[in-house]
Amino acid sequence: RGTVTPKDFQSSLVLMTFCFHHAATSCSKSCYCSESDSGGKTVRCSNLQLTEIPQDFPNDTRRIYLDFNLFTTVPTNAFAGLPHLVELDLSHNELSQLEQGAFRGLGSSLQFLDLSSNKLVNFNSEAFEGLQARANLTNNPWHCDCSLQMALPHVDLEPASLKGIVCQTSDPEEIGVQGLSFLLAPDIDLCVVMKRTTDVAMLVVMFGWFTMVISYLVYYVRANQEDARRHLEYLKSLPSKPMQPSPDE
């Protein structure tokens, strides 16, 4: 049995450090990596027929191109561990869903996000939590409704990004926003139907309570009248006492 000398231990430590650094900075499988002029890597995974977003991006990546693939969703924490990422291209995919926290961890670094030419219908504000980047949201079949109207004020994306939300469908349909950028139609209230429904529901509830109160009062009055009548009949049924003659008679 051999003994481990300090020199051997130091060599092993250097080797482990090198392997860890290589694993953290090597290129993602099937993708092409290059060093950017400003430092860090540019990872190109374009047009590779990928169906799932890779999870082995180098942690010094600054730009990722995932356009022209077959992604249908961006899962939670899909790009966690990339503190230097400034540009992310997910255009020309099959994206129909962005899960909550899809871009979590990129709020302090990401400057540009391309989600154009996908199949995004419903806007999920929770997917963009903390993200202040400029985003391209054009060429998606956006559905404009009350939930969209309520979600937009809670998004930190650059306001110009939201001009890319062009309503392909809307609820209610007669509101007339199809083909319009929702951000450019500030006077349109897509929650008007919900507000009316809420008002009607409140009126129905109030009417129900009012009816219950009136019914209770009527019942209470009738019950008391019945008790009073019975009490009066009981008093009338009692035998009357004969009058006692006075002592002077």
Protein backbone atom coordinates (compact mmCIF):
# COMPACT_ATOMS: atom_id res chain seq x y z
CA ARG A 1 0.00 0.00 0.00
CA GLY A 2 1.47 3.33 -1.06
CA THR A 3 1.23 6.53 0.92
CA VAL A 4 -0.15 9.78 -0.50
CA THR A 5 2.45 12.49 -0.41
CA PRO A 6 1.61 16.20 -0.27
CA LYS A 7 2.87 16.48 -3.83
CA ASP A 8 0.46 13.79 -5.02
CA PHE A 9 -2.41 15.48 -3.20
CA GLN A 10 -1.53 18.84 -4.79
CA SER A 11 -1.41 17.24 -8.24
CA SER A 12 -4.82 15.62 -7.71
CA LEU A 13 -6.28 18.93 -6.57
CA VAL A 14 -4.98 20.70 -9.66
CA LEU A 15 -6.39 17.94 -11.87
CA MET A 16 -9.81 18.14 -10.21
CA THR A 17 -9.84 21.91 -10.57
CA PHE A 18 -8.96 21.61 -14.25
CA CYS A 19 -11.69 19.01 -14.85
CA PHE A 20 -14.27 21.13 -13.07
CA HIS A 21 -13.29 24.22 -15.02
CA HIS A 22 -13.42 22.27 -18.27
CA ALA A 23 -16.88 20.92 -17.46
CA ALA A 24 -18.13 24.38 -16.59
CA THR A 25 -16.73 26.08 -19.69
CA SER A 26 -16.84 23.36 -22.37
CA CYS A 27 -19.36 23.69 -25.16
CA SER A 28 -22.87 22.28 -24.97
CA LYS A 29 -23.29 18.95 -26.76
CA SER A 30 -24.36 19.25 -30.43
CA CYS A 31 -23.92 23.02 -30.37
CA TYR A 32 -21.16 25.21 -31.76
CA CYS A 33 -19.29 27.52 -29.40
CA SER A 34 -17.08 30.47 -30.06
CA GLU A 35 -15.37 33.04 -27.90
CA SER A 36 -16.94 36.48 -28.12
CA ASP A 37 -14.79 39.61 -28.44
CA SER A 38 -16.10 40.93 -25.14
CA GLY A 39 -15.28 37.69 -23.33
CA GLY A 40 -17.41 34.65 -22.63
CA LYS A 41 -18.91 32.23 -25.10
CA THR A 42 -21.46 32.45 -27.87
CA VAL A 43 -23.37 29.16 -28.17
CA ARG A 44 -25.14 28.41 -31.45
CA CYS A 45 -27.73 25.59 -31.43
CA SER A 46 -29.75 26.84 -34.38
CA ASN A 47 -31.70 24.53 -36.71
CA LEU A 48 -30.76 21.27 -34.97
CA GLN A 49 -34.29 19.84 -34.60
CA LEU A 50 -33.93 19.99 -30.81
CA THR A 51 -37.08 19.25 -28.79
CA GLU A 52 -35.71 20.07 -25.34
CA ILE A 53 -33.59 22.99 -24.24
CA PRO A 54 -30.05 21.80 -23.40
CA GLN A 55 -28.98 21.94 -19.77
CA ASP A 56 -25.21 21.91 -20.27
CA PHE A 57 -24.45 25.46 -21.37
CA PRO A 58 -21.08 26.75 -20.13
CA ASN A 59 -21.54 29.09 -17.21
CA ASP A 60 -19.55 31.84 -18.95
CA THR A 61 -22.00 31.92 -21.89
CA ARG A 62 -23.03 35.40 -22.99
CA ARG A 63 -25.17 34.63 -26.04
CA ILE A 64 -27.35 31.62 -26.89
CA TYR A 65 -29.03 31.01 -30.25
CA LEU A 66 -31.73 28.31 -30.13
CA ASP A 67 -33.76 29.49 -33.11
CA PHE A 68 -35.34 27.18 -35.71
CA ASN A 69 -35.78 24.18 -33.42
CA LEU A 70 -38.83 22.26 -32.15
CA PHE A 71 -39.23 23.46 -28.57
CA THR A 72 -42.83 23.56 -27.34
CA THR A 73 -42.20 24.89 -23.84
CA VAL A 74 -39.60 26.70 -21.75
CA PRO A 75 -39.52 24.95 -18.36
CA THR A 76 -38.87 26.56 -14.99
CA ASN A 77 -35.21 27.51 -14.41
CA ALA A 78 -34.32 26.54 -17.98
CA PHE A 79 -31.36 28.94 -17.98
CA ALA A 80 -30.34 28.91 -14.34
CA GLY A 81 -26.62 29.20 -13.66
CA LEU A 82 -25.90 31.60 -16.53
CA PRO A 83 -25.15 34.87 -14.73
CA HIS A 84 -23.44 36.47 -17.75
CA LEU A 85 -26.10 35.79 -20.39
CA VAL A 86 -26.98 38.99 -22.28
CA GLU A 87 -28.82 37.64 -25.37
CA LEU A 88 -31.17 34.69 -25.83
CA ASP A 89 -32.78 33.77 -29.15
CA LEU A 90 -35.73 31.34 -29.04
CA SER A 91 -37.39 32.52 -32.23
CA HIS A 92 -38.95 30.27 -34.89
CA ASN A 93 -39.81 27.37 -32.60
CA GLU A 94 -43.09 25.71 -31.60
CA LEU A 95 -43.33 27.42 -28.21
CA SER A 96 -46.87 27.49 -26.84
CA GLN A 97 -46.06 27.67 -23.13
CA LEU A 98 -43.64 29.56 -20.89
CA GLU A 99 -43.68 28.05 -17.42
CA GLN A 100 -43.47 30.12 -14.25
CA GLY A 101 -39.88 31.22 -13.68
CA ALA A 102 -38.80 30.15 -17.17
CA PHE A 103 -36.16 32.91 -17.26
CA ARG A 104 -35.44 33.01 -13.55
CA GLY A 105 -31.94 34.14 -12.69
CA LEU A 106 -31.47 36.26 -15.82
CA GLY A 107 -32.97 39.47 -14.47
CA SER A 108 -29.67 41.19 -13.76
CA SER A 109 -27.89 40.25 -16.99
CA LEU A 110 -30.21 39.55 -19.94
CA GLN A 111 -30.58 42.47 -22.32
CA PHE A 112 -32.41 40.96 -25.29
CA LEU A 113 -34.88 38.07 -25.55
CA ASP A 114 -36.29 36.91 -28.89
CA LEU A 115 -39.55 34.93 -28.71
CA SER A 116 -40.83 35.90 -32.13
CA SER A 117 -42.46 33.50 -34.60
CA ASN A 118 -43.71 30.95 -32.09
CA LYS A 119 -47.18 29.74 -31.04
CA LEU A 120 -47.62 31.73 -27.84
CA VAL A 121 -51.28 32.43 -27.18
CA ASN A 122 -51.60 33.28 -23.50
CA PHE A 123 -49.26 35.75 -21.82
CA ASN A 124 -47.84 34.38 -18.57
CA SER A 125 -46.37 37.27 -16.59
CA GLU A 126 -44.87 34.84 -14.04
CA ALA A 127 -42.53 33.50 -16.73
CA PHE A 128 -40.86 36.93 -16.97
CA GLU A 129 -40.43 37.53 -13.25
CA GLY A 130 -37.64 40.06 -12.60
CA LEU A 131 -36.75 40.29 -16.29
CA GLN A 132 -36.06 43.84 -17.52
CA ALA A 133 -34.80 42.94 -20.97
CA ARG A 134 -35.99 44.15 -24.34
CA ALA A 135 -38.08 41.37 -25.87
CA ASN A 136 -39.31 40.58 -29.37
CA LEU A 137 -42.82 39.13 -28.99
CA THR A 138 -44.01 39.56 -32.57
CA ASN A 139 -45.56 36.90 -34.84
CA ASN A 140 -47.32 34.95 -32.12
CA PRO A 141 -51.08 34.21 -32.12
CA TRP A 142 -51.71 36.23 -28.96
CA HIS A 143 -55.14 36.01 -27.34
CA CYS A 144 -56.09 39.31 -25.74
CA ASP A 145 -58.43 39.05 -22.78
CA CYS A 146 -58.92 40.32 -19.25
CA SER A 147 -56.12 38.14 -17.86
CA LEU A 148 -53.68 39.73 -20.31
CA GLN A 149 -54.85 43.21 -19.36
CA MET A 150 -54.35 42.44 -15.68
CA ALA A 151 -50.93 40.80 -16.24
CA LEU A 152 -49.18 43.55 -18.21
CA PRO A 153 -48.79 46.03 -15.31
CA HIS A 154 -46.85 43.38 -13.37
CA VAL A 155 -44.19 42.86 -16.08
CA ASP A 156 -40.81 44.63 -15.91
CA LEU A 157 -39.92 44.13 -19.59
CA GLU A 158 -39.08 47.27 -21.53
CA PRO A 159 -42.45 48.84 -22.45
CA ALA A 160 -41.58 48.86 -26.16
CA SER A 161 -41.41 45.07 -26.00
CA LEU A 162 -45.12 44.80 -25.31
CA LYS A 163 -45.94 46.42 -28.66
CA GLY A 164 -45.23 42.98 -30.09
CA ILE A 165 -48.40 41.61 -28.50
CA VAL A 166 -50.71 41.92 -31.51
CA CYS A 167 -54.14 40.46 -30.80
CA GLN A 168 -55.03 37.64 -33.16
CA THR A 169 -58.11 36.75 -31.08
CA SER A 170 -59.85 38.49 -28.22
CA ASP A 171 -62.43 38.00 -25.53
CA PRO A 172 -64.93 39.54 -25.92
CA GLU A 173 -64.70 39.33 -29.70
CA GLU A 174 -66.86 42.39 -30.33
CA ILE A 175 -64.39 44.66 -28.54
CA GLY A 176 -62.52 45.05 -31.86
CA VAL A 177 -58.83 44.60 -31.03
CA GLN A 178 -58.01 41.89 -33.57
CA GLY A 179 -54.96 42.91 -35.58
CA LEU A 180 -54.06 45.68 -33.12
CA SER A 181 -51.15 45.95 -30.74
CA PHE A 182 -52.77 45.75 -27.34
CA LEU A 183 -50.34 48.27 -25.89
CA LEU A 184 -51.44 50.79 -28.51
CA ALA A 185 -55.09 50.45 -27.51
CA PRO A 186 -55.04 51.80 -23.94
CA ASP A 187 -58.70 52.87 -24.00
CA ILE A 188 -59.94 49.34 -24.62
CA ASP A 189 -61.15 47.54 -21.52
CA LEU A 190 -61.16 43.77 -21.95
CA CYS A 191 -62.32 43.31 -18.35
CA VAL A 192 -65.61 45.10 -18.95
CA VAL A 193 -67.51 41.81 -19.29
CA MET A 194 -65.96 40.45 -16.12
CA LYS A 195 -66.78 43.68 -14.30
CA ARG A 196 -70.38 43.48 -15.50
CA THR A 197 -70.56 39.84 -14.47
CA THR A 198 -69.17 40.75 -11.05
CA ASP A 199 -71.68 43.59 -10.69
CA VAL A 200 -74.55 41.29 -11.64
CA ALA A 201 -73.32 38.66 -9.21
CA MET A 202 -73.14 41.25 -6.43
CA LEU A 203 -76.67 42.42 -7.22
CA VAL A 204 -77.93 38.83 -7.17
CA VAL A 205 -76.24 38.21 -3.81
CA MET A 206 -77.60 41.45 -2.37
CA PHE A 207 -81.09 40.65 -3.66
CA GLY A 208 -80.82 37.17 -2.14
CA TRP A 209 -79.85 38.58 1.26
CA PHE A 210 -82.59 41.20 1.04
CA THR A 211 -85.14 38.51 0.21
CA MET A 212 -83.95 36.41 3.14
CA VAL A 213 -84.24 39.36 5.54
CA ILE A 214 -87.73 40.26 4.33
CA SER A 215 -88.81 36.63 4.52
CA TYR A 216 -87.50 36.38 8.07
CA LEU A 217 -89.29 39.57 9.11
CA VAL A 218 -92.56 38.37 7.59
CA TYR A 219 -92.17 35.01 9.32
CA TYR A 220 -91.30 36.71 12.62
CA VAL A 221 -94.31 39.04 12.46
CA ARG A 222 -96.70 36.24 11.52
CA ALA A 223 -95.31 33.95 14.22
CA ASN A 224 -95.74 36.67 16.83
CA GLN A 225 -99.23 37.48 15.61
CA GLU A 226 -100.15 33.81 15.89
CA ASP A 227 -98.71 33.64 19.41
CA ALA A 228 -100.56 36.81 20.38
CA ARG A 229 -103.85 35.43 19.00
CA ARG A 230 -103.43 32.16 20.85
CA HIS A 231 -102.59 34.00 24.05
CA LEU A 232 -105.68 36.18 23.68
CA GLU A 233 -107.89 33.16 23.04
CA TYR A 234 -106.39 31.48 26.07
CA LEU A 235 -107.22 34.49 28.24
CA LYS A 236 -110.79 34.56 26.93
CA SER A 237 -111.21 30.89 27.72
CA LEU A 238 -110.37 31.38 31.38
CA PRO A 239 -113.48 31.37 33.72
CA SER A 240 -114.25 34.79 35.08
CA LYS A 241 -114.27 35.14 38.88
CA PRO A 242 -117.60 36.17 40.55
CA MET A 243 -117.56 39.65 42.02
CA GLN A 244 -117.34 39.71 45.84
CA PRO A 245 -119.99 41.90 47.58
CA SER A 246 -118.62 44.93 49.33
CA PRO A 247 -118.70 45.01 53.18
CA ASP A 248 -121.21 47.93 53.18
CA GLU A 249 -123.92 45.81 51.54
